[in-house]
Amino acid sequence: MKPLRWTRTLRTPHSERLLATCDGQDTAAVDLHYLSDGTVAGTVTLLKGAAWGAEQVPALLAELDQDWLPGVDLGSGRLTFTVVMGEVVGNFEPDGPSQS
């Protein structure tokens, strides 16, 4: 796996979104949710165009664990990930200001 460049694209008090790029191409998106019991639940979306293989997933999860989640780890049971394969359909935003 080539080195990934991670960028935080969104952060709230209880969650954040990360985007991974490689050679200028989006390769994965990660949503992390910080739960009140101290655990973290993550959803990793591997983008189809990035040619991910199942054998690369454990290393990716370990990288996320080590680089972004110092307070929890996969081995403790306080960090879980759901991993899906998908493609970006588009960004959907309001066409303009709401009318009352």
N, C-alpha and C. Protein backbone atom coordinates (compact mmCIF):
# COMPACT_ATOMS: atom_id res chain seq x y z
N MET A 1 0.85 -1.18 0.00
CA MET A 1 0.00 0.00 0.00
C MET A 1 0.89 1.24 0.00
N LYS A 2 0.66 2.14 -0.93
CA LYS A 2 1.40 3.39 -0.97
C LYS A 2 0.99 4.25 0.23
N PRO A 3 1.87 5.16 0.64
CA PRO A 3 1.50 6.04 1.77
C PRO A 3 0.26 6.88 1.46
N LEU A 4 -0.59 6.99 2.46
CA LEU A 4 -1.80 7.78 2.34
C LEU A 4 -1.59 9.14 3.01
N ARG A 5 -2.25 10.14 2.48
CA ARG A 5 -2.27 11.46 3.10
C ARG A 5 -3.66 11.66 3.69
N TRP A 6 -3.73 11.85 4.99
CA TRP A 6 -5.01 11.99 5.69
C TRP A 6 -5.31 13.46 5.93
N THR A 7 -6.56 13.83 5.70
CA THR A 7 -7.02 15.19 5.96
C THR A 7 -8.33 15.11 6.75
N ARG A 8 -8.41 15.88 7.84
CA ARG A 8 -9.66 15.97 8.57
C ARG A 8 -10.55 16.96 7.82
N THR A 9 -11.72 16.52 7.40
CA THR A 9 -12.61 17.38 6.63
C THR A 9 -13.80 17.89 7.44
N LEU A 10 -14.05 17.29 8.60
CA LEU A 10 -15.18 17.68 9.43
C LEU A 10 -14.91 17.25 10.85
N ARG A 11 -15.29 18.11 11.81
CA ARG A 11 -15.13 17.74 13.21
C ARG A 11 -16.26 18.36 14.01
N THR A 12 -16.89 17.54 14.86
CA THR A 12 -17.89 18.00 15.81
C THR A 12 -17.43 17.57 17.19
N PRO A 13 -18.16 17.92 18.25
CA PRO A 13 -17.74 17.48 19.58
C PRO A 13 -17.72 15.95 19.74
N HIS A 14 -18.47 15.23 18.90
CA HIS A 14 -18.58 13.78 19.09
C HIS A 14 -18.24 12.96 17.86
N SER A 15 -17.74 13.60 16.80
CA SER A 15 -17.42 12.85 15.60
C SER A 15 -16.45 13.63 14.72
N GLU A 16 -15.88 12.92 13.78
CA GLU A 16 -15.07 13.58 12.78
C GLU A 16 -15.01 12.73 11.52
N ARG A 17 -14.67 13.40 10.41
CA ARG A 17 -14.55 12.72 9.12
C ARG A 17 -13.15 12.96 8.59
N LEU A 18 -12.54 11.90 8.08
CA LEU A 18 -11.21 11.96 7.50
C LEU A 18 -11.29 11.51 6.05
N LEU A 19 -10.43 12.07 5.22
CA LEU A 19 -10.35 11.67 3.83
C LEU A 19 -8.91 11.29 3.55
N ALA A 20 -8.73 10.12 2.91
CA ALA A 20 -7.40 9.66 2.54
C ALA A 20 -7.20 9.85 1.04
N THR A 21 -6.03 10.38 0.68
CA THR A 21 -5.67 10.52 -0.72
C THR A 21 -4.33 9.84 -0.95
N CYS A 22 -4.14 9.40 -2.19
CA CYS A 22 -2.88 8.80 -2.60
C CYS A 22 -2.63 9.23 -4.03
N ASP A 23 -1.49 9.81 -4.28
CA ASP A 23 -1.15 10.31 -5.62
C ASP A 23 -2.23 11.25 -6.15
N GLY A 24 -2.80 12.09 -5.26
CA GLY A 24 -3.80 13.07 -5.66
C GLY A 24 -5.20 12.52 -5.88
N GLN A 25 -5.41 11.23 -5.61
CA GLN A 25 -6.73 10.61 -5.81
C GLN A 25 -7.35 10.26 -4.46
N ASP A 26 -8.64 10.58 -4.29
CA ASP A 26 -9.35 10.15 -3.07
C ASP A 26 -9.41 8.64 -3.05
N THR A 27 -9.04 8.04 -1.91
CA THR A 27 -9.00 6.59 -1.82
C THR A 27 -9.91 6.01 -0.75
N ALA A 28 -10.18 6.78 0.31
CA ALA A 28 -11.01 6.28 1.41
C ALA A 28 -11.56 7.44 2.21
N ALA A 29 -12.70 7.21 2.85
CA ALA A 29 -13.30 8.18 3.77
C ALA A 29 -13.60 7.44 5.08
N VAL A 30 -13.38 8.12 6.18
CA VAL A 30 -13.58 7.52 7.50
C VAL A 30 -14.43 8.45 8.34
N ASP A 31 -15.49 7.90 8.93
CA ASP A 31 -16.31 8.63 9.89
C ASP A 31 -16.07 8.00 11.25
N LEU A 32 -15.68 8.81 12.22
CA LEU A 32 -15.43 8.34 13.59
C LEU A 32 -16.45 8.95 14.52
N HIS A 33 -17.03 8.13 15.37
CA HIS A 33 -18.04 8.59 16.33
C HIS A 33 -17.57 8.24 17.73
N TYR A 34 -17.41 9.29 18.55
CA TYR A 34 -16.94 9.14 19.92
C TYR A 34 -18.14 8.99 20.83
N LEU A 35 -18.31 7.82 21.41
CA LEU A 35 -19.49 7.50 22.21
C LEU A 35 -19.28 7.85 23.67
N SER A 36 -20.38 8.04 24.39
CA SER A 36 -20.32 8.50 25.78
C SER A 36 -19.65 7.52 26.72
N ASP A 37 -19.57 6.24 26.35
CA ASP A 37 -18.91 5.25 27.22
C ASP A 37 -17.41 5.14 26.97
N GLY A 38 -16.86 6.04 26.14
CA GLY A 38 -15.43 6.04 25.88
C GLY A 38 -14.99 5.19 24.69
N THR A 39 -15.93 4.56 24.03
CA THR A 39 -15.59 3.77 22.85
C THR A 39 -15.69 4.63 21.60
N VAL A 40 -15.09 4.13 20.53
CA VAL A 40 -15.15 4.81 19.25
C VAL A 40 -15.65 3.82 18.21
N ALA A 41 -16.64 4.25 17.42
CA ALA A 41 -17.17 3.44 16.33
C ALA A 41 -16.83 4.15 15.03
N GLY A 42 -16.20 3.43 14.12
CA GLY A 42 -15.79 4.03 12.86
C GLY A 42 -16.40 3.32 11.67
N THR A 43 -16.66 4.08 10.62
CA THR A 43 -17.07 3.53 9.34
C THR A 43 -16.01 3.94 8.33
N VAL A 44 -15.42 2.95 7.68
CA VAL A 44 -14.40 3.18 6.67
C VAL A 44 -15.01 2.85 5.32
N THR A 45 -15.03 3.82 4.41
CA THR A 45 -15.52 3.58 3.06
C THR A 45 -14.32 3.59 2.12
N LEU A 46 -14.03 2.42 1.57
CA LEU A 46 -12.95 2.28 0.59
C LEU A 46 -13.53 2.60 -0.78
N LEU A 47 -12.92 3.50 -1.49
CA LEU A 47 -13.45 3.92 -2.77
C LEU A 47 -13.02 2.94 -3.87
N LYS A 48 -13.99 2.50 -4.66
CA LYS A 48 -13.76 1.47 -5.68
C LYS A 48 -12.61 1.80 -6.62
N GLY A 49 -12.52 3.02 -7.07
CA GLY A 49 -11.49 3.40 -8.02
C GLY A 49 -10.07 3.29 -7.50
N ALA A 50 -9.90 3.11 -6.20
CA ALA A 50 -8.57 3.05 -5.59
C ALA A 50 -8.00 1.64 -5.57
N ALA A 51 -8.74 0.66 -6.05
CA ALA A 51 -8.28 -0.73 -6.17
C ALA A 51 -7.82 -1.33 -4.84
N TRP A 52 -8.64 -1.18 -3.81
CA TRP A 52 -8.34 -1.78 -2.51
C TRP A 52 -8.52 -3.29 -2.59
N GLY A 53 -7.67 -4.00 -1.87
CA GLY A 53 -7.83 -5.43 -1.71
C GLY A 53 -8.10 -5.75 -0.25
N ALA A 54 -8.82 -6.83 0.01
CA ALA A 54 -9.16 -7.20 1.39
C ALA A 54 -7.92 -7.38 2.26
N GLU A 55 -6.82 -7.80 1.66
CA GLU A 55 -5.60 -8.03 2.43
C GLU A 55 -4.98 -6.73 2.94
N GLN A 56 -5.38 -5.58 2.39
CA GLN A 56 -4.85 -4.29 2.81
C GLN A 56 -5.62 -3.67 3.98
N VAL A 57 -6.81 -4.19 4.26
CA VAL A 57 -7.67 -3.58 5.28
C VAL A 57 -7.05 -3.62 6.68
N PRO A 58 -6.50 -4.74 7.15
CA PRO A 58 -5.92 -4.73 8.51
C PRO A 58 -4.85 -3.65 8.70
N ALA A 59 -3.99 -3.45 7.71
CA ALA A 59 -2.94 -2.43 7.83
C ALA A 59 -3.56 -1.03 7.87
N LEU A 60 -4.60 -0.81 7.07
CA LEU A 60 -5.27 0.49 7.07
C LEU A 60 -5.90 0.77 8.44
N LEU A 61 -6.58 -0.21 9.01
CA LEU A 61 -7.21 -0.03 10.32
C LEU A 61 -6.16 0.20 11.40
N ALA A 62 -5.05 -0.50 11.32
CA ALA A 62 -3.97 -0.31 12.29
C ALA A 62 -3.39 1.10 12.17
N GLU A 63 -3.27 1.61 10.94
CA GLU A 63 -2.77 2.97 10.74
C GLU A 63 -3.71 4.00 11.35
N LEU A 64 -5.01 3.82 11.11
CA LEU A 64 -5.99 4.73 11.70
C LEU A 64 -5.92 4.69 13.22
N ASP A 65 -5.86 3.50 13.76
CA ASP A 65 -5.78 3.31 15.21
C ASP A 65 -4.56 4.04 15.78
N GLN A 66 -3.42 3.83 15.18
CA GLN A 66 -2.18 4.40 15.69
C GLN A 66 -2.10 5.92 15.50
N ASP A 67 -2.47 6.41 14.32
CA ASP A 67 -2.26 7.82 14.00
C ASP A 67 -3.37 8.76 14.47
N TRP A 68 -4.59 8.28 14.58
CA TRP A 68 -5.72 9.17 14.85
C TRP A 68 -6.45 8.88 16.16
N LEU A 69 -6.22 7.72 16.76
CA LEU A 69 -7.01 7.35 17.93
C LEU A 69 -6.13 6.88 19.08
N PRO A 70 -5.35 7.78 19.66
CA PRO A 70 -4.41 7.37 20.71
C PRO A 70 -5.07 6.88 21.99
N GLY A 71 -6.29 7.29 22.26
CA GLY A 71 -6.94 6.93 23.52
C GLY A 71 -7.65 5.58 23.52
N VAL A 72 -7.78 4.95 22.36
CA VAL A 72 -8.44 3.65 22.25
C VAL A 72 -7.63 2.80 21.29
N ASP A 73 -7.90 1.49 21.28
CA ASP A 73 -7.21 0.66 20.30
C ASP A 73 -8.06 -0.57 19.96
N LEU A 74 -7.77 -1.14 18.82
CA LEU A 74 -8.52 -2.30 18.34
C LEU A 74 -8.44 -3.47 19.31
N GLY A 75 -7.29 -3.66 19.94
CA GLY A 75 -7.10 -4.79 20.84
C GLY A 75 -7.90 -4.71 22.13
N SER A 76 -8.31 -3.52 22.54
CA SER A 76 -9.01 -3.36 23.81
C SER A 76 -10.52 -3.58 23.70
N GLY A 77 -11.04 -3.61 22.49
CA GLY A 77 -12.48 -3.72 22.32
C GLY A 77 -13.19 -2.38 22.44
N ARG A 78 -12.44 -1.31 22.59
CA ARG A 78 -13.04 0.03 22.71
C ARG A 78 -13.06 0.77 21.38
N LEU A 79 -12.63 0.08 20.31
CA LEU A 79 -12.61 0.66 18.97
C LEU A 79 -13.12 -0.39 18.00
N THR A 80 -14.13 -0.03 17.23
CA THR A 80 -14.66 -0.94 16.21
C THR A 80 -14.79 -0.19 14.89
N PHE A 81 -14.64 -0.94 13.81
CA PHE A 81 -14.79 -0.39 12.48
C PHE A 81 -15.74 -1.24 11.66
N THR A 82 -16.56 -0.59 10.86
CA THR A 82 -17.31 -1.23 9.79
C THR A 82 -16.64 -0.76 8.51
N VAL A 83 -16.30 -1.70 7.64
CA VAL A 83 -15.61 -1.36 6.40
C VAL A 83 -16.51 -1.70 5.23
N VAL A 84 -16.70 -0.73 4.34
CA VAL A 84 -17.55 -0.92 3.16
C VAL A 84 -16.79 -0.47 1.91
N MET A 85 -17.18 -1.01 0.77
CA MET A 85 -16.63 -0.59 -0.51
C MET A 85 -17.69 0.25 -1.20
N GLY A 86 -17.32 1.40 -1.73
CA GLY A 86 -18.32 2.25 -2.35
C GLY A 86 -17.72 3.19 -3.37
N GLU A 87 -18.59 3.99 -3.94
CA GLU A 87 -18.15 5.00 -4.89
C GLU A 87 -18.90 6.30 -4.61
N VAL A 88 -18.27 7.39 -4.90
CA VAL A 88 -18.88 8.70 -4.71
C VAL A 88 -19.86 8.94 -5.85
N VAL A 89 -21.10 9.23 -5.48
CA VAL A 89 -22.13 9.53 -6.47
C VAL A 89 -22.13 11.03 -6.76
N GLY A 90 -21.88 11.83 -5.74
CA GLY A 90 -21.85 13.28 -5.90
C GLY A 90 -22.02 13.95 -4.57
N ASN A 91 -21.90 15.26 -4.56
CA ASN A 91 -22.15 16.07 -3.37
C ASN A 91 -23.49 16.76 -3.57
N PHE A 92 -24.37 16.59 -2.63
CA PHE A 92 -25.71 17.15 -2.73
C PHE A 92 -25.86 18.26 -1.70
N GLU A 93 -26.09 19.47 -2.19
CA GLU A 93 -26.18 20.64 -1.35
C GLU A 93 -27.40 21.45 -1.77
N PRO A 94 -27.92 22.25 -0.87
CA PRO A 94 -29.07 23.09 -1.24
C PRO A 94 -28.70 23.99 -2.42
N ASP A 95 -29.68 24.25 -3.28
CA ASP A 95 -29.46 25.12 -4.42
C ASP A 95 -29.32 26.58 -4.02
N GLY A 96 -29.82 26.92 -2.89
CA GLY A 96 -29.76 28.31 -2.45
C GLY A 96 -30.36 28.44 -1.08
N PRO A 97 -30.55 29.67 -0.61
CA PRO A 97 -31.10 29.85 0.74
C PRO A 97 -32.55 29.35 0.81
N SER A 98 -32.91 28.87 1.99
CA SER A 98 -34.27 28.40 2.21
C SER A 98 -35.25 29.57 2.13
N GLN A 99 -36.42 29.28 1.61
CA GLN A 99 -37.47 30.30 1.51
C GLN A 99 -38.53 30.00 2.55
N SER A 100 -38.99 31.00 3.28
CA SER A 100 -40.06 30.76 4.26
C SER A 100 -41.39 31.10 3.69
